[in-house]
Structures are given as structure tokens and as C-alpha cells.
Amino acid sequence: MATTSQMAKSRKTAKFSSRKMRRCWRCGRRHGFMRDFNICRICFRELANRGELPGVKKSSW
């Protein structure tokens, strides 16, 4: 869980575009971020298992 100061720092506009920090909108996690859904891998799995993400289904082979 990210602290509020870390979240506020990531919301500021970066001096250079390569310094842009993307965070999960649910938990604030920085690593394991999926740009397509704007959430981290852990939150993605939780929401996908509950069926709350449209177009995502569990694969089986």
C-alpha cells in the first residue's frame, strides 16, 4: 500500500516524460502495473476472479 505522500508525488507532472510514474488506482502499487486496465497485477486478478472486468475470462487449456 502506497502512502499518501507517495501518491501525491506521483500525481505531479514530471519534468521529463520518461519519469512518469503510473500507479494502480485501487491500491497505489507501482510495480506490476497493467496500462490497459490502469491497475496492478494483484488487483487485476482479484477483479477478474470476481467477474468485474468486462471482456476478461479465466483461461484453461
C-alpha atoms as a PDB file:
ATOM      1  CA  MET A   1       0.000   0.000   0.000  1.00  0.00           C
ATOM      2  CA  ALA A   2       1.417   3.346  -1.017  1.00  0.00           C
ATOM      3  CA  THR A   3       1.493   6.217   1.439  1.00  0.00           C
ATOM      4  CA  THR A   4      -0.428   9.386   0.719  1.00  0.00           C
ATOM      5  CA  SER A   5       2.786  11.344   0.160  1.00  0.00           C
ATOM      6  CA  GLN A   6       3.905   8.840  -2.497  1.00  0.00           C
ATOM      7  CA  MET A   7       0.528   9.077  -4.210  1.00  0.00           C
ATOM      8  CA  ALA A   8       0.669  12.891  -4.195  1.00  0.00           C
ATOM      9  CA  LYS A   9       4.212  12.861  -5.590  1.00  0.00           C
ATOM     10  CA  SER A  10       3.188  10.588  -8.463  1.00  0.00           C
ATOM     11  CA  ARG A  11       0.275  12.913  -9.377  1.00  0.00           C
ATOM     12  CA  LYS A  12       2.621  15.849 -10.039  1.00  0.00           C
ATOM     13  CA  THR A  13       3.672  16.464 -13.623  1.00  0.00           C
ATOM     14  CA  ALA A  14       7.107  15.050 -14.274  1.00  0.00           C
ATOM     15  CA  LYS A  15       9.988  17.160 -15.522  1.00  0.00           C
ATOM     16  CA  PHE A  16      10.669  14.602 -18.254  1.00  0.00           C
ATOM     17  CA  SER A  17       8.148  12.240 -19.840  1.00  0.00           C
ATOM     18  CA  SER A  18      10.300   9.199 -19.061  1.00  0.00           C
ATOM     19  CA  ARG A  19       9.932   9.933 -15.331  1.00  0.00           C
ATOM     20  CA  LYS A  20       6.158   9.492 -15.432  1.00  0.00           C
ATOM     21  CA  MET A  21       5.025   7.174 -12.649  1.00  0.00           C
ATOM     22  CA  ARG A  22       1.943   5.049 -13.160  1.00  0.00           C
ATOM     23  CA  ARG A  23       0.176   3.705 -10.093  1.00  0.00           C
ATOM     24  CA  CYS A  24      -2.776   1.424  -9.513  1.00  0.00           C
ATOM     25  CA  TRP A  25      -5.937   3.402  -8.813  1.00  0.00           C
ATOM     26  CA  ARG A  26      -7.079   0.897  -6.172  1.00  0.00           C
ATOM     27  CA  CYS A  27      -4.026   0.264  -4.008  1.00  0.00           C
ATOM     28  CA  GLY A  28      -1.358   2.656  -5.317  1.00  0.00           C
ATOM     29  CA  ARG A  29       1.077  -0.100  -6.249  1.00  0.00           C
ATOM     30  CA  ARG A  30       3.779   0.944  -8.708  1.00  0.00           C
ATOM     31  CA  HIS A  31       5.239  -2.340  -9.917  1.00  0.00           C
ATOM     32  CA  GLY A  32       3.296  -4.907 -11.931  1.00  0.00           C
ATOM     33  CA  PHE A  33       1.144  -2.175 -13.491  1.00  0.00           C
ATOM     34  CA  MET A  34      -1.059  -3.021 -16.488  1.00  0.00           C
ATOM     35  CA  ARG A  35      -1.634   0.011 -18.703  1.00  0.00           C
ATOM     36  CA  ASP A  36      -4.665  -1.464 -20.459  1.00  0.00           C
ATOM     37  CA  PHE A  37      -6.630  -1.577 -17.207  1.00  0.00           C
ATOM     38  CA  ASN A  38      -4.779   1.045 -15.078  1.00  0.00           C
ATOM     39  CA  ILE A  39      -4.436  -1.425 -12.209  1.00  0.00           C
ATOM     40  CA  CYS A  40      -1.700  -3.642 -10.801  1.00  0.00           C
ATOM     41  CA  ARG A  41      -1.499  -7.383 -11.352  1.00  0.00           C
ATOM     42  CA  ILE A  42      -2.844  -8.207  -7.893  1.00  0.00           C
ATOM     43  CA  CYS A  43      -5.946  -6.022  -8.238  1.00  0.00           C
ATOM     44  CA  PHE A  44      -6.403  -7.318 -11.791  1.00  0.00           C
ATOM     45  CA  ARG A  45      -6.535 -10.878 -10.540  1.00  0.00           C
ATOM     46  CA  GLU A  46      -8.979 -10.030  -7.745  1.00  0.00           C
ATOM     47  CA  LEU A  47     -11.356  -8.172 -10.076  1.00  0.00           C
ATOM     48  CA  ALA A  48     -11.080 -10.778 -12.843  1.00  0.00           C
ATOM     49  CA  ASN A  49     -11.876 -13.636 -10.460  1.00  0.00           C
ATOM     50  CA  ARG A  50     -14.966 -11.757  -9.270  1.00  0.00           C
ATOM     51  CA  GLY A  51     -16.009 -11.117 -12.887  1.00  0.00           C
ATOM     52  CA  GLU A  52     -15.913  -7.330 -12.557  1.00  0.00           C
ATOM     53  CA  LEU A  53     -13.649  -6.716 -15.577  1.00  0.00           C
ATOM     54  CA  PRO A  54     -15.544  -6.818 -18.868  1.00  0.00           C
ATOM     55  CA  GLY A  55     -14.023  -8.999 -21.569  1.00  0.00           C
ATOM     56  CA  VAL A  56     -11.725 -10.924 -19.232  1.00  0.00           C
ATOM     57  CA  LYS A  57     -12.225 -14.593 -18.536  1.00  0.00           C
ATOM     58  CA  LYS A  58     -10.059 -17.225 -16.927  1.00  0.00           C
ATOM     59  CA  SER A  59      -8.151 -19.285 -19.434  1.00  0.00           C
ATOM     60  CA  SER A  60      -7.994 -23.038 -19.361  1.00  0.00           C
ATOM     61  CA  TRP A  61      -6.257 -25.439 -21.701  1.00  0.00           C
END
